[in-house]
Amino acid sequence: MVITKIMTDEIEALIRPAMEWLNNNCHPCVRITIEPDRFTVSEHVCSVPILDYVSRRQTEIEIRYEIADGVVLDCQTDLIWQKNYTGPMPWDEAMAYPATLGPEWMLPTAHDLFGLVDLNRNAPASTFPGMPRKLFWSSSYTSGPSYAWYVNFDDGYVSGGNRANGNYVRCVRNGPKKVCSY
């Protein structure tokens, strides 16, 4: 049996981890071919599991985030994120920016911001709705007096950067338990 599906960037990001699983767990005669616009699974041994995996991952992406009233609800962490981002701006301005939104808003910690990263994806390295391939400041600072942590959503890496550099900002606030509707 041969299954061929049209490939989009989102499907490719879902297929790559499944391909690793197939290569490690399936019969050696199973052949997976990924071309620029399609993927093909040959042999019947694992044709259903790969499609089940893709379907399950798509469902996980759809239910992690809910968009409501200009914010994005993170159903895994119960955090409420700004839907829109701003910047670029230096770190000192980024630290002051949340106060313009209200007292409950804050610049996310590196840990919270890294929680938006999906290591199975790149360009952008996140399933967060509308996440651009940009650098975002966190409120976490490094040991050096002029450096702070940021997350690169092109590749998912966390790095320390000079606070004078201009990076983007997406603020967060704590939500109630069970912030999502389901």
Protein backbone atom coordinates (compact mmCIF):
# COMPACT_ATOMS: atom_id res chain seq x y z
CA MET A 1 0.00 0.00 0.00
CA VAL A 2 1.25 3.49 -0.79
CA ILE A 3 -0.11 6.64 0.83
CA THR A 4 0.76 10.01 -0.65
CA LYS A 5 -0.37 13.27 0.94
CA ILE A 6 0.15 16.85 -0.15
CA MET A 7 2.71 18.51 2.15
CA THR A 8 2.23 21.88 3.80
CA ASP A 9 4.70 23.45 6.26
CA GLU A 10 2.41 22.60 9.17
CA ILE A 11 2.00 18.99 8.06
CA GLU A 12 5.76 18.67 7.52
CA ALA A 13 6.37 19.83 11.10
CA LEU A 14 4.00 17.09 12.27
CA ILE A 15 5.43 14.41 9.99
CA ARG A 16 9.11 14.73 10.92
CA PRO A 17 8.68 13.34 14.51
CA ALA A 18 6.41 10.60 13.19
CA MET A 19 9.08 9.71 10.66
CA GLU A 20 11.62 9.28 13.48
CA TRP A 21 9.18 7.01 15.33
CA LEU A 22 8.54 4.96 12.20
CA ASN A 23 12.23 4.57 11.48
CA ASN A 24 12.87 3.34 15.04
CA ASN A 25 9.79 1.16 15.56
CA CYS A 26 8.58 -0.26 12.27
CA HIS A 27 9.54 -3.05 9.96
CA PRO A 28 12.65 -2.22 7.91
CA CYS A 29 10.73 -2.51 4.64
CA VAL A 30 8.62 0.56 5.45
CA ARG A 31 9.85 3.42 3.33
CA ILE A 32 9.03 7.06 3.99
CA THR A 33 9.83 9.65 1.40
CA ILE A 34 9.53 13.38 2.08
CA GLU A 35 9.66 15.62 -0.95
CA PRO A 36 9.21 19.40 -1.06
CA ASP A 37 5.45 19.15 -1.59
CA ARG A 38 4.41 15.64 -0.44
CA PHE A 39 5.26 12.68 1.71
CA THR A 40 4.79 9.03 0.85
CA VAL A 41 4.56 6.03 3.18
CA SER A 42 5.07 2.73 1.37
CA GLU A 43 4.00 -0.64 2.84
CA HIS A 44 0.97 -1.35 4.97
CA VAL A 45 2.76 -2.01 8.28
CA CYS A 46 2.68 1.58 9.54
CA SER A 47 0.44 3.52 7.20
CA VAL A 48 -2.34 3.89 9.79
CA PRO A 49 -0.13 4.88 12.77
CA ILE A 50 1.47 7.79 10.90
CA LEU A 51 -1.92 9.22 9.96
CA ASP A 52 -3.18 8.67 13.52
CA TYR A 53 -0.09 10.47 14.86
CA VAL A 54 -0.61 13.45 12.53
CA SER A 55 -4.29 13.65 13.46
CA ARG A 56 -3.51 13.44 17.21
CA ARG A 57 -0.82 16.17 16.98
CA GLN A 58 -3.20 18.44 15.02
CA THR A 59 -5.84 17.98 17.73
CA GLU A 60 -3.28 18.83 20.45
CA ILE A 61 -2.41 22.05 18.62
CA GLU A 62 -6.06 23.01 18.19
CA ILE A 63 -6.99 22.52 21.85
CA ARG A 64 -3.92 24.03 23.54
CA TYR A 65 -4.88 27.62 22.69
CA GLU A 66 -8.17 29.49 22.61
CA ILE A 67 -8.49 33.02 21.24
CA ALA A 68 -10.89 35.34 23.05
CA ASP A 69 -11.27 39.15 23.26
CA GLY A 70 -7.77 40.07 22.03
CA VAL A 71 -5.99 37.50 24.18
CA VAL A 72 -4.84 33.92 23.75
CA LEU A 73 -5.67 31.47 26.52
CA ASP A 74 -3.05 28.78 27.09
CA CYS A 75 -5.05 25.73 28.18
CA GLN A 76 -1.93 23.86 29.40
CA THR A 77 -0.53 26.56 31.68
CA ASP A 78 -3.64 28.66 32.47
CA LEU A 79 -1.72 31.77 31.37
CA ILE A 80 -3.38 34.52 29.35
CA TRP A 81 -1.20 35.99 26.59
CA GLN A 82 -1.55 39.13 24.51
CA LYS A 83 -2.72 38.11 21.07
CA ASN A 84 -0.73 40.91 19.45
CA TYR A 85 2.91 41.67 20.10
CA THR A 86 4.81 44.95 19.98
CA GLY A 87 8.33 46.13 19.35
CA PRO A 88 11.13 46.00 18.75
CA MET A 89 12.34 47.80 21.87
CA PRO A 90 15.23 47.62 24.34
CA TRP A 91 14.80 45.51 27.48
CA ASP A 92 14.24 48.48 29.85
CA GLU A 93 11.31 49.65 27.71
CA ALA A 94 10.04 46.06 27.50
CA MET A 95 10.03 45.83 31.30
CA ALA A 96 7.96 49.05 31.54
CA TYR A 97 5.54 48.19 28.72
CA PRO A 98 3.18 45.83 30.65
CA ALA A 99 2.15 48.66 32.99
CA THR A 100 0.55 50.38 29.98
CA LEU A 101 -1.80 47.38 29.65
CA GLY A 102 -2.90 47.21 33.29
CA PRO A 103 -1.60 46.11 36.68
CA GLU A 104 -2.09 42.38 36.08
CA TRP A 105 0.10 42.26 32.94
CA MET A 106 3.81 41.40 33.05
CA LEU A 107 6.73 40.59 30.81
CA PRO A 108 6.95 36.76 30.82
CA THR A 109 9.80 34.92 32.50
CA ALA A 110 12.15 32.99 30.24
CA HIS A 111 10.50 29.82 31.55
CA ASP A 112 6.98 30.99 30.61
CA LEU A 113 8.11 32.24 27.20
CA PHE A 114 10.01 29.01 26.47
CA GLY A 115 6.78 27.17 27.32
CA LEU A 116 5.41 28.46 23.99
CA VAL A 117 8.21 26.71 22.08
CA ASP A 118 7.42 23.47 20.27
CA LEU A 119 10.72 21.65 19.76
CA ASN A 120 9.16 19.63 16.94
CA ARG A 121 8.78 22.78 14.85
CA ASN A 122 10.88 25.60 13.48
CA ALA A 123 10.30 28.78 11.51
CA PRO A 124 8.37 29.47 13.73
CA ALA A 125 9.25 27.11 16.60
CA SER A 126 5.78 27.40 18.12
CA THR A 127 2.14 26.53 17.55
CA PHE A 128 1.05 29.72 19.31
CA PRO A 129 -1.46 31.47 16.99
CA GLY A 130 0.29 33.98 14.76
CA MET A 131 3.73 33.59 16.36
CA PRO A 132 6.30 35.34 14.16
CA ARG A 133 9.88 34.21 13.62
CA LYS A 134 11.27 36.92 15.92
CA LEU A 135 13.21 37.40 19.16
CA PHE A 136 11.08 38.07 22.28
CA TRP A 137 12.34 39.53 25.55
CA SER A 138 11.72 37.82 28.87
CA SER A 139 11.80 39.46 32.29
CA SER A 140 14.64 37.11 33.32
CA TYR A 141 18.08 38.64 33.40
CA THR A 142 21.44 36.91 33.07
CA SER A 143 24.33 37.19 35.49
CA GLY A 144 25.84 40.05 33.51
CA PRO A 145 24.59 43.56 34.33
CA SER A 146 23.71 44.43 30.73
CA TYR A 147 22.19 41.17 29.48
CA ALA A 148 18.73 39.55 29.66
CA TRP A 149 17.23 36.31 28.34
CA TYR A 150 15.19 36.20 25.14
CA VAL A 151 13.56 33.42 23.12
CA ASN A 152 14.14 33.14 19.39
CA PHE A 153 10.90 31.86 17.86
CA ASP A 154 12.58 31.09 14.55
CA ASP A 155 14.45 28.12 16.05
CA GLY A 156 13.26 27.93 19.69
CA TYR A 157 16.60 28.77 21.29
CA VAL A 158 16.89 30.73 24.53
CA SER A 159 19.85 33.11 24.64
CA GLY A 160 21.20 36.05 26.57
CA GLY A 161 21.22 39.33 24.70
CA ASN A 162 22.39 42.86 25.31
CA ARG A 163 19.56 44.80 26.98
CA ALA A 164 20.12 47.69 24.57
CA ASN A 165 19.10 45.50 21.61
CA GLY A 166 15.60 45.81 20.22
CA ASN A 167 13.52 42.64 20.62
CA TYR A 168 9.76 42.08 20.56
CA VAL A 169 7.35 41.86 23.48
CA ARG A 170 4.26 39.75 24.15
CA CYS A 171 2.91 40.22 27.68
CA VAL A 172 1.23 37.65 29.87
CA ARG A 173 -0.97 37.50 32.96
CA ASN A 174 -2.08 34.72 35.24
CA GLY A 175 -5.45 33.23 34.49
CA PRO A 176 -7.88 31.36 36.70
CA LYS A 177 -7.58 27.60 36.96
CA LYS A 178 -9.22 25.95 33.98
CA VAL A 179 -8.93 29.13 31.91
CA CYS A 180 -10.23 27.38 28.76
CA SER A 181 -13.82 26.57 27.94
CA TYR A 182 -13.49 22.78 27.72
